[in-house]
C-alpha atoms as a PDB file:
ATOM      1  CA  MET A   1      -0.231  -0.134   0.114  1.00  0.00           C
ATOM      2  CA  LYS A   2       2.920   2.558   0.638  1.00  0.00           C
ATOM      3  CA  LYS A   3       4.253   1.795  -2.640  1.00  0.00           C
ATOM      4  CA  LEU A   4       0.823   2.382  -4.323  1.00  0.00           C
ATOM      5  CA  ILE A   5       1.127   5.756  -2.355  1.00  0.00           C
ATOM      6  CA  LEU A   6       4.166   6.631  -3.334  1.00  0.00           C
ATOM      7  CA  SER A   7       3.668   5.709  -6.980  1.00  0.00           C
ATOM      8  CA  CYS A   8       0.446   7.742  -6.992  1.00  0.00           C
ATOM      9  CA  ALA A   9       2.342  10.944  -5.447  1.00  0.00           C
ATOM     10  CA  LEU A  10       5.449  10.670  -8.318  1.00  0.00           C
ATOM     11  CA  VAL A  11       2.734  10.631 -11.106  1.00  0.00           C
ATOM     12  CA  GLY A  12       0.884  13.818  -9.209  1.00  0.00           C
ATOM     13  CA  THR A  13       3.913  15.750  -9.272  1.00  0.00           C
ATOM     14  CA  ALA A  14       5.515  14.562 -12.795  1.00  0.00           C
ATOM     15  CA  LEU A  15       3.333  16.786 -14.436  1.00  0.00           C
ATOM     16  CA  THR A  16       3.990  20.254 -13.168  1.00  0.00           C
ATOM     17  CA  CYS A  17       5.776  21.048 -16.765  1.00  0.00           C
ATOM     18  CA  HIS A  18       4.124  19.310 -18.399  1.00  0.00           C
ATOM     19  CA  ALA A  19       0.563  20.319 -17.857  1.00  0.00           C
ATOM     20  CA  GLN A  20       1.458  23.980 -16.721  1.00  0.00           C
ATOM     21  CA  LYS A  21       3.367  26.527 -18.707  1.00  0.00           C
ATOM     22  CA  CYS A  22       6.953  26.850 -17.596  1.00  0.00           C
ATOM     23  CA  LEU A  23       9.685  30.152 -18.005  1.00  0.00           C
ATOM     24  CA  VAL A  24      13.141  29.898 -17.584  1.00  0.00           C
ATOM     25  CA  LEU A  25      14.202  33.345 -16.725  1.00  0.00           C
ATOM     26  CA  TYR A  26      17.876  34.146 -16.265  1.00  0.00           C
ATOM     27  CA  TYR A  27      20.240  36.893 -15.744  1.00  0.00           C
ATOM     28  CA  SER A  28      24.067  36.062 -16.682  1.00  0.00           C
ATOM     29  CA  GLU A  29      26.831  38.601 -16.502  1.00  0.00           C
ATOM     30  CA  THR A  30      29.863  36.127 -17.694  1.00  0.00           C
ATOM     31  CA  GLY A  31      27.535  33.353 -19.602  1.00  0.00           C
ATOM     32  CA  THR A  32      28.006  30.994 -16.319  1.00  0.00           C
ATOM     33  CA  THR A  33      24.227  31.207 -15.474  1.00  0.00           C
ATOM     34  CA  LYS A  34      23.576  31.145 -18.713  1.00  0.00           C
ATOM     35  CA  LYS A  35      24.703  27.565 -19.623  1.00  0.00           C
ATOM     36  CA  VAL A  36      22.565  26.139 -16.269  1.00  0.00           C
ATOM     37  CA  ALA A  37      19.472  27.947 -17.906  1.00  0.00           C
ATOM     38  CA  GLU A  38      20.134  26.297 -21.452  1.00  0.00           C
ATOM     39  CA  VAL A  39      20.508  23.157 -19.676  1.00  0.00           C
ATOM     40  CA  LEU A  40      17.238  23.801 -17.563  1.00  0.00           C
ATOM     41  CA  GLN A  41      15.214  24.921 -20.814  1.00  0.00           C
ATOM     42  CA  LYS A  42      16.437  21.592 -22.884  1.00  0.00           C
ATOM     43  CA  GLN A  43      15.581  19.336 -20.089  1.00  0.00           C
ATOM     44  CA  LEU A  44      12.258  21.061 -19.056  1.00  0.00           C
ATOM     45  CA  ASN A  45      11.477  22.227 -22.898  1.00  0.00           C
ATOM     46  CA  ALA A  46      10.348  25.367 -21.930  1.00  0.00           C
ATOM     47  CA  ASP A  47      10.528  29.209 -22.856  1.00  0.00           C
ATOM     48  CA  MET A  48      13.545  31.199 -21.877  1.00  0.00           C
ATOM     49  CA  GLU A  49      14.544  34.619 -21.971  1.00  0.00           C
ATOM     50  CA  SER A  50      17.497  36.275 -20.616  1.00  0.00           C
ATOM     51  CA  ILE A  51      17.264  39.403 -18.371  1.00  0.00           C
ATOM     52  CA  GLU A  52      19.514  42.428 -19.449  1.00  0.00           C
ATOM     53  CA  ALA A  53      19.942  45.570 -17.931  1.00  0.00           C
ATOM     54  CA  VAL A  54      19.866  48.808 -19.964  1.00  0.00           C
ATOM     55  CA  ASN A  55      23.374  49.925 -18.626  1.00  0.00           C
ATOM     56  CA  PRO A  56      24.974  46.640 -18.747  1.00  0.00           C
ATOM     57  CA  TYR A  57      27.709  45.611 -16.171  1.00  0.00           C
ATOM     58  CA  SER A  58      31.236  45.064 -17.853  1.00  0.00           C
ATOM     59  CA  GLY A  59      31.979  41.238 -16.640  1.00  0.00           C
ATOM     60  CA  ASN A  60      35.297  42.708 -14.949  1.00  0.00           C
ATOM     61  CA  PHE A  61      34.852  41.262 -11.690  1.00  0.00           C
ATOM     62  CA  GLN A  62      36.554  44.415  -9.152  1.00  0.00           C
ATOM     63  CA  GLU A  63      33.864  46.927 -11.089  1.00  0.00           C
ATOM     64  CA  THR A  64      31.056  44.872 -10.729  1.00  0.00           C
ATOM     65  CA  ILE A  65      31.831  44.529  -7.250  1.00  0.00           C
ATOM     66  CA  GLN A  66      32.133  48.055  -6.865  1.00  0.00           C
ATOM     67  CA  ARG A  67      28.384  48.984  -8.777  1.00  0.00           C
ATOM     68  CA  GLY A  68      26.788  46.536  -7.183  1.00  0.00           C
ATOM     69  CA  GLN A  69      28.289  47.773  -3.849  1.00  0.00           C
ATOM     70  CA  ARG A  70      27.252  51.219  -4.833  1.00  0.00           C
ATOM     71  CA  GLU A  71      23.411  50.054  -5.955  1.00  0.00           C
ATOM     72  CA  MET A  72      23.207  48.069  -2.734  1.00  0.00           C
ATOM     73  CA  GLN A  73      23.800  51.225  -0.620  1.00  0.00           C
ATOM     74  CA  SER A  74      21.712  53.246  -2.043  1.00  0.00           C
ATOM     75  CA  GLY A  75      18.763  51.365  -2.558  1.00  0.00           C
ATOM     76  CA  GLU A  76      18.932  51.593  -6.525  1.00  0.00           C
ATOM     77  CA  THR A  77      18.362  48.951  -8.405  1.00  0.00           C
ATOM     78  CA  PRO A  78      19.507  48.799 -12.381  1.00  0.00           C
ATOM     79  CA  GLU A  79      17.204  49.522 -15.124  1.00  0.00           C
ATOM     80  CA  LEU A  80      16.160  46.597 -17.374  1.00  0.00           C
ATOM     81  CA  LYS A  81      14.985  46.036 -20.705  1.00  0.00           C
ATOM     82  CA  PRO A  82      11.563  45.346 -21.112  1.00  0.00           C
ATOM     83  CA  LEU A  83      10.864  41.664 -20.959  1.00  0.00           C
ATOM     84  CA  LYS A  84       9.503  39.841 -24.134  1.00  0.00           C
ATOM     85  CA  SER A  85       7.865  37.187 -22.211  1.00  0.00           C
ATOM     86  CA  LYS A  86       4.238  38.050 -20.124  1.00  0.00           C
ATOM     87  CA  ILE A  87       4.850  36.727 -16.788  1.00  0.00           C
ATOM     88  CA  ALA A  88       0.578  36.217 -16.667  1.00  0.00           C
ATOM     89  CA  ASN A  89       0.937  33.641 -19.339  1.00  0.00           C
ATOM     90  CA  TYR A  90       3.307  31.313 -17.109  1.00  0.00           C
ATOM     91  CA  ASP A  91       2.360  28.907 -14.409  1.00  0.00           C
ATOM     92  CA  VAL A  92       5.853  28.027 -13.046  1.00  0.00           C
ATOM     93  CA  ILE A  93       9.208  30.523 -13.190  1.00  0.00           C
ATOM     94  CA  PHE A  94      12.497  29.022 -12.867  1.00  0.00           C
ATOM     95  CA  ILE A  95      14.303  32.828 -11.883  1.00  0.00           C
ATOM     96  CA  GLY A  96      18.107  32.330 -12.675  1.00  0.00           C
ATOM     97  CA  TYR A  97      21.015  34.079 -11.119  1.00  0.00           C
ATOM     98  CA  PRO A  98      24.993  34.667  -9.804  1.00  0.00           C
ATOM     99  CA  ILE A  99      25.108  35.110  -6.470  1.00  0.00           C
ATOM    100  CA  TRP A 100      26.638  38.857  -5.442  1.00  0.00           C
ATOM    101  CA  PHE A 101      27.067  39.529  -1.723  1.00  0.00           C
ATOM    102  CA  GLY A 102      25.627  36.309  -0.568  1.00  0.00           C
ATOM    103  CA  THR A 103      22.257  37.069  -2.438  1.00  0.00           C
ATOM    104  CA  TYR A 104      20.781  37.517  -5.967  1.00  0.00           C
ATOM    105  CA  ALA A 105      22.757  39.709  -8.444  1.00  0.00           C
ATOM    106  CA  MET A 106      21.256  43.467  -8.363  1.00  0.00           C
ATOM    107  CA  PRO A 107      19.383  42.806 -12.007  1.00  0.00           C
ATOM    108  CA  ILE A 108      17.088  40.195 -10.033  1.00  0.00           C
ATOM    109  CA  ALA A 109      16.202  42.753  -7.377  1.00  0.00           C
ATOM    110  CA  SER A 110      15.104  45.042 -10.488  1.00  0.00           C
ATOM    111  CA  LEU A 111      12.911  42.245 -11.663  1.00  0.00           C
ATOM    112  CA  VAL A 112      11.220  41.268  -8.421  1.00  0.00           C
ATOM    113  CA  LYS A 113      10.493  45.167  -7.833  1.00  0.00           C
ATOM    114  CA  ASN A 114       9.254  45.778 -11.424  1.00  0.00           C
ATOM    115  CA  TYR A 115       7.303  42.674 -12.213  1.00  0.00           C
ATOM    116  CA  ASP A 116       4.136  40.813 -10.586  1.00  0.00           C
ATOM    117  CA  PHE A 117       4.693  37.066  -9.329  1.00  0.00           C
ATOM    118  CA  ALA A 118       1.505  37.005  -7.554  1.00  0.00           C
ATOM    119  CA  GLY A 119       0.213  33.491  -7.831  1.00  0.00           C
ATOM    120  CA  LYS A 120       2.955  32.158  -9.452  1.00  0.00           C
ATOM    121  CA  THR A 121       5.161  29.085  -8.696  1.00  0.00           C
ATOM    122  CA  VAL A 122       9.164  30.361  -8.637  1.00  0.00           C
ATOM    123  CA  VAL A 123      12.156  27.776  -8.487  1.00  0.00           C
ATOM    124  CA  PRO A 124      15.045  29.887  -7.913  1.00  0.00           C
ATOM    125  CA  PHE A 125      18.404  28.745  -9.730  1.00  0.00           C
ATOM    126  CA  CYS A 126      21.872  30.014  -9.508  1.00  0.00           C
ATOM    127  CA  THR A 127      25.899  29.831  -9.845  1.00  0.00           C
ATOM    128  CA  PHE A 128      28.277  31.117  -6.918  1.00  0.00           C
ATOM    129  CA  GLY A 129      31.532  30.884  -5.917  1.00  0.00           C
ATOM    130  CA  SER A 130      30.834  29.183  -2.285  1.00  0.00           C
ATOM    131  CA  GLY A 131      26.964  28.974  -1.796  1.00  0.00           C
ATOM    132  CA  GLY A 132      24.167  31.373  -1.424  1.00  0.00           C
ATOM    133  CA  LEU A 133      21.006  29.231  -2.922  1.00  0.00           C
ATOM    134  CA  ASN A 134      19.813  29.414   0.823  1.00  0.00           C
ATOM    135  CA  THR A 135      20.143  33.135   1.228  1.00  0.00           C
ATOM    136  CA  SER A 136      18.945  34.258  -1.633  1.00  0.00           C
ATOM    137  CA  SER A 137      15.649  32.060  -1.885  1.00  0.00           C
ATOM    138  CA  ASP A 138      15.082  33.197   1.493  1.00  0.00           C
ATOM    139  CA  ALA A 139      15.030  37.076   0.068  1.00  0.00           C
ATOM    140  CA  LEU A 140      12.916  35.849  -2.710  1.00  0.00           C
ATOM    141  CA  LYS A 141      10.493  34.955  -0.551  1.00  0.00           C
ATOM    142  CA  LYS A 142      10.624  38.411   1.333  1.00  0.00           C
ATOM    143  CA  ALA A 143      10.313  40.021  -1.963  1.00  0.00           C
ATOM    144  CA  LEU A 144       7.756  38.138  -3.481  1.00  0.00           C
ATOM    145  CA  PRO A 145       5.477  37.018  -0.387  1.00  0.00           C
ATOM    146  CA  LYS A 146       2.494  36.280  -3.142  1.00  0.00           C
ATOM    147  CA  ALA A 147       4.512  33.865  -5.074  1.00  0.00           C
ATOM    148  CA  LYS A 148       5.222  30.084  -3.862  1.00  0.00           C
ATOM    149  CA  ILE A 149       9.180  30.291  -3.692  1.00  0.00           C
ATOM    150  CA  LEU A 150       9.650  26.516  -3.980  1.00  0.00           C
ATOM    151  CA  LYS A 151      13.205  24.248  -3.261  1.00  0.00           C
ATOM    152  CA  GLY A 152      16.032  25.417  -6.207  1.00  0.00           C
ATOM    153  CA  TYR A 153      19.118  24.056  -7.345  1.00  0.00           C
ATOM    154  CA  GLY A 154      22.483  25.924  -6.821  1.00  0.00           C
ATOM    155  CA  VAL A 155      26.101  25.174  -8.725  1.00  0.00           C
ATOM    156  CA  ARG A 156      29.389  26.444  -8.165  1.00  0.00           C
ATOM    157  CA  THR A 157      30.804  28.080 -11.242  1.00  0.00           C
ATOM    158  CA  ALA A 158      34.052  25.754 -10.505  1.00  0.00           C
ATOM    159  CA  ARG A 159      31.833  22.853 -11.399  1.00  0.00           C
ATOM    160  CA  VAL A 160      28.978  23.924 -13.488  1.00  0.00           C
ATOM    161  CA  ASP A 161      30.038  21.295 -15.942  1.00  0.00           C
ATOM    162  CA  ALA A 162      28.189  18.665 -13.526  1.00  0.00           C
ATOM    163  CA  ALA A 163      24.907  21.226 -13.496  1.00  0.00           C
ATOM    164  CA  GLU A 164      23.425  18.576 -16.531  1.00  0.00           C
ATOM    165  CA  LYS A 165      23.697  15.585 -14.498  1.00  0.00           C
ATOM    166  CA  GLU A 166      22.645  17.535 -11.102  1.00  0.00           C
ATOM    167  CA  LEU A 167      19.584  19.364 -12.528  1.00  0.00           C
ATOM    168  CA  ASN A 168      18.452  15.710 -14.307  1.00  0.00           C
ATOM    169  CA  ARG A 169      18.085  14.516 -10.824  1.00  0.00           C
ATOM    170  CA  PHE A 170      16.939  17.966  -8.898  1.00  0.00           C
ATOM    171  CA  LEU A 171      13.883  18.480 -11.596  1.00  0.00           C
ATOM    172  CA  ILE A 172      12.687  14.362 -11.245  1.00  0.00           C
ATOM    173  CA  GLU A 173      12.929  14.642  -7.776  1.00  0.00           C
ATOM    174  CA  ASN A 174      11.002  17.620  -7.536  1.00  0.00           C
ATOM    175  CA  GLY A 175       8.683  16.692 -10.121  1.00  0.00           C
ATOM    176  CA  TYR A 176       9.089  19.001 -13.015  1.00  0.00           C
ATOM    177  CA  LYS A 177      10.535  15.918 -15.333  1.00  0.00           C
ATOM    178  CA  LYS A 178       9.183  12.969 -15.785  1.00  0.00           C
ATOM    179  CA  GLY A 179      11.286   9.858 -14.800  1.00  0.00           C
ATOM    180  CA  LYS A 180      13.032   7.968 -12.140  1.00  0.00           C
ATOM    181  CA  VAL A 181      16.212   8.263  -9.860  1.00  0.00           C
ATOM    182  CA  ALA A 182      17.463   6.027  -7.273  1.00  0.00           C
ATOM    183  CA  LYS A 183      16.550   7.987  -3.805  1.00  0.00           C
ATOM    184  CA  LEU A 184      20.034   9.024  -2.376  1.00  0.00           C
ATOM    185  CA  PRO A 185      20.763   7.933   0.992  1.00  0.00           C
ATOM    186  CA  ALA A 186      20.840  10.226   4.259  1.00  0.00           C
ATOM    187  CA  TYR A 187      23.959  11.478   5.776  1.00  0.00           C
ATOM    188  CA  SER A 188      25.434   9.696   8.714  1.00  0.00           C
ATOM    189  CA  GLU A 189      25.383  11.004  12.248  1.00  0.00           C
ATOM    190  CA  GLN A 190      28.119  13.799  12.512  1.00  0.00           C
ATOM    191  CA  LYS A 191      31.480  12.486  14.223  1.00  0.00           C
ATOM    192  CA  PRO A 192      34.599  14.239  14.709  1.00  0.00           C
ATOM    193  CA  VAL A 193      37.072  14.577  11.759  1.00  0.00           C
ATOM    194  CA  THR A 194      39.559  12.022  11.166  1.00  0.00           C
ATOM    195  CA  ASP A 195      43.128  12.993   9.948  1.00  0.00           C
ATOM    196  CA  ALA A 196      41.816  11.272   6.410  1.00  0.00           C
ATOM    197  CA  GLU A 197      38.825  13.291   6.277  1.00  0.00           C
ATOM    198  CA  LYS A 198      40.606  16.388   7.167  1.00  0.00           C
ATOM    199  CA  ALA A 199      42.689  15.578   4.333  1.00  0.00           C
ATOM    200  CA  ILE A 200      39.881  15.347   2.105  1.00  0.00           C
ATOM    201  CA  PHE A 201      38.496  18.667   3.164  1.00  0.00           C
ATOM    202  CA  ASP A 202      41.934  20.319   2.714  1.00  0.00           C
ATOM    203  CA  ALA A 203      42.162  19.171  -0.840  1.00  0.00           C
ATOM    204  CA  ALA A 204      38.666  20.338  -1.624  1.00  0.00           C
ATOM    205  CA  CYS A 205      39.037  23.770   0.174  1.00  0.00           C
ATOM    206  CA  SER A 206      43.017  24.769   0.581  1.00  0.00           C
ATOM    207  CA  SER A 207      42.639  26.216  -3.117  1.00  0.00           C
ATOM    208  CA  TYR A 208      39.760  28.405  -2.641  1.00  0.00           C
ATOM    209  CA  GLN A 209      40.379  32.055  -2.487  1.00  0.00           C
ATOM    210  CA  PHE A 210      39.192  32.894   0.651  1.00  0.00           C
ATOM    211  CA  PRO A 211      39.823  30.590   4.124  1.00  0.00           C
ATOM    212  CA  LEU A 212      36.825  28.476   4.690  1.00  0.00           C
ATOM    213  CA  GLY A 213      37.822  27.787   8.193  1.00  0.00           C
ATOM    214  CA  THR A 214      38.579  24.451   9.998  1.00  0.00           C
ATOM    215  CA  PRO A 215      36.257  21.153  10.103  1.00  0.00           C
ATOM    216  CA  SER A 216      35.174  20.137  13.591  1.00  0.00           C
ATOM    217  CA  THR A 217      32.596  17.150  12.689  1.00  0.00           C
ATOM    218  CA  VAL A 218      31.360  15.193   9.621  1.00  0.00           C
ATOM    219  CA  GLY A 219      28.662  12.949   8.249  1.00  0.00           C
ATOM    220  CA  LYS A 220      29.178  11.102   4.982  1.00  0.00           C
ATOM    221  CA  ARG A 221      27.060   9.069   2.479  1.00  0.00           C
ATOM    222  CA  ALA A 222      27.764   6.566  -0.431  1.00  0.00           C
ATOM    223  CA  THR A 223      26.331   7.200  -3.881  1.00  0.00           C
ATOM    224  CA  PRO A 224      26.382   5.761  -6.897  1.00  0.00           C
ATOM    225  CA  ASP A 225      28.863   8.317  -8.412  1.00  0.00           C
ATOM    226  CA  GLY A 226      30.925   8.139  -5.112  1.00  0.00           C
ATOM    227  CA  THR A 227      31.150   9.618  -1.271  1.00  0.00           C
ATOM    228  CA  ASP A 228      29.808  12.838  -0.295  1.00  0.00           C
ATOM    229  CA  TYR A 229      30.810  14.735   2.867  1.00  0.00           C
ATOM    230  CA  GLN A 230      29.028  17.445   5.492  1.00  0.00           C
ATOM    231  CA  PHE A 231      31.500  19.148   7.389  1.00  0.00           C
ATOM    232  CA  THR A 232      30.267  21.089  10.056  1.00  0.00           C
ATOM    233  CA  VAL A 233      33.221  24.290   9.979  1.00  0.00           C
ATOM    234  CA  LYS A 234      34.217  26.519  12.820  1.00  0.00           C
ATOM    235  CA  SER A 235      35.816  29.747  11.413  1.00  0.00           C
ATOM    236  CA  ARG A 236      35.749  33.803  12.227  1.00  0.00           C
ATOM    237  CA  GLY A 237      34.380  36.576  10.226  1.00  0.00           C
ATOM    238  CA  MET A 238      36.224  39.792   9.364  1.00  0.00           C
ATOM    239  CA  ASN A 239      34.767  41.145  13.013  1.00  0.00           C
ATOM    240  CA  GLY A 240      36.733  38.252  14.435  1.00  0.00           C
ATOM    241  CA  GLU A 241      33.257  36.774  15.896  1.00  0.00           C
ATOM    242  CA  GLU A 242      33.301  32.888  15.565  1.00  0.00           C
ATOM    243  CA  SER A 243      30.781  31.302  13.130  1.00  0.00           C
ATOM    244  CA  THR A 244      29.531  27.833  12.041  1.00  0.00           C
ATOM    245  CA  SER A 245      28.851  26.707   8.471  1.00  0.00           C
ATOM    246  CA  THR A 246      28.151  23.836   6.603  1.00  0.00           C
ATOM    247  CA  ILE A 247      30.584  22.647   3.845  1.00  0.00           C
ATOM    248  CA  TYR A 248      29.845  19.757   1.286  1.00  0.00           C
ATOM    249  CA  VAL A 249      32.427  17.744  -0.369  1.00  0.00           C
ATOM    250  CA  THR A 250      32.481  15.328  -2.975  1.00  0.00           C
ATOM    251  CA  VAL A 251      34.712  12.696  -4.515  1.00  0.00           C
ATOM    252  CA  GLY A 252      34.089  10.626  -7.348  1.00  0.00           C
ATOM    253  CA  ASN A 253      34.173   6.823  -7.960  1.00  0.00           C
ATOM    254  CA  ALA A 254      36.739   7.244 -11.033  1.00  0.00           C
ATOM    255  CA  GLN A 255      40.358   6.514 -10.580  1.00  0.00           C
ATOM    256  CA  GLY A 256      42.051   9.394  -9.509  1.00  0.00           C
ATOM    257  CA  ALA A 257      38.980  11.371  -8.938  1.00  0.00           C
ATOM    258  CA  GLN A 258      40.211  14.562  -6.602  1.00  0.00           C
ATOM    259  CA  PRO A 259      37.768  16.207  -4.058  1.00  0.00           C
ATOM    260  CA  GLU A 260      35.498  18.802  -4.724  1.00  0.00           C
ATOM    261  CA  PHE A 261      33.816  21.162  -2.523  1.00  0.00           C
ATOM    262  CA  THR A 262      30.079  22.119  -4.058  1.00  0.00           C
ATOM    263  CA  GLU A 263      28.348  24.458  -1.579  1.00  0.00           C
ATOM    264  CA  VAL A 264      29.333  26.396   1.657  1.00  0.00           C
ATOM    265  CA  VAL A 265      25.774  27.000   3.861  1.00  0.00           C
ATOM    266  CA  ARG A 266      26.347  29.830   6.261  1.00  0.00           C
END
């Protein structure tokens, strides 16, 4: 009976982007988020449109930081070119963006300010250096209180080539695409980090441009593709205060596979 109920639930949710109209709407400055949007559009067979600023960002990292900080501090949002797509015509809208300063890029601030998403189902997707899916999703919930913001997908820029396989699982698990995937196991209980596990963490994280802290405990799980690690990490911010984050690391099954960190959740 339990299997029958589960089967029916899967059939019911798998119709989301077949019975309803979906739009992939994204902003991409350097082309990385565009790559993810194109994979998403292809897998969903959905409509797609890019968000463009009237005064484009330069693509230069330092210049973007300076302009973004100025806009955030002043409350100014960039003017956007009008969308060709009509939000009212869609039921499910996938909104994509790079993470800037821990949240969605400034053009998305303009989008949610100027367009009506009331009654729409919104699914965030993002690209980032270390993390930001959780914080940007929370920001979308606050900015769009009349929309239904669902679980999103995020990928590090350094791992964007993994997006196709990961999105396939994400879309099937969440009912946007028909298909079957084996359920991933839960992480094991957190235990003190061993020297071998610390070496895996260091191999995955030591080359990142900013220090990510020191792992204290870890949980792990075996998957068809390798082993995933969930590290609890202690670090100190610029103000000297101690903070705790969760850092996810994966090691593939292929011979010679190197540890990769996939996300920081602060």
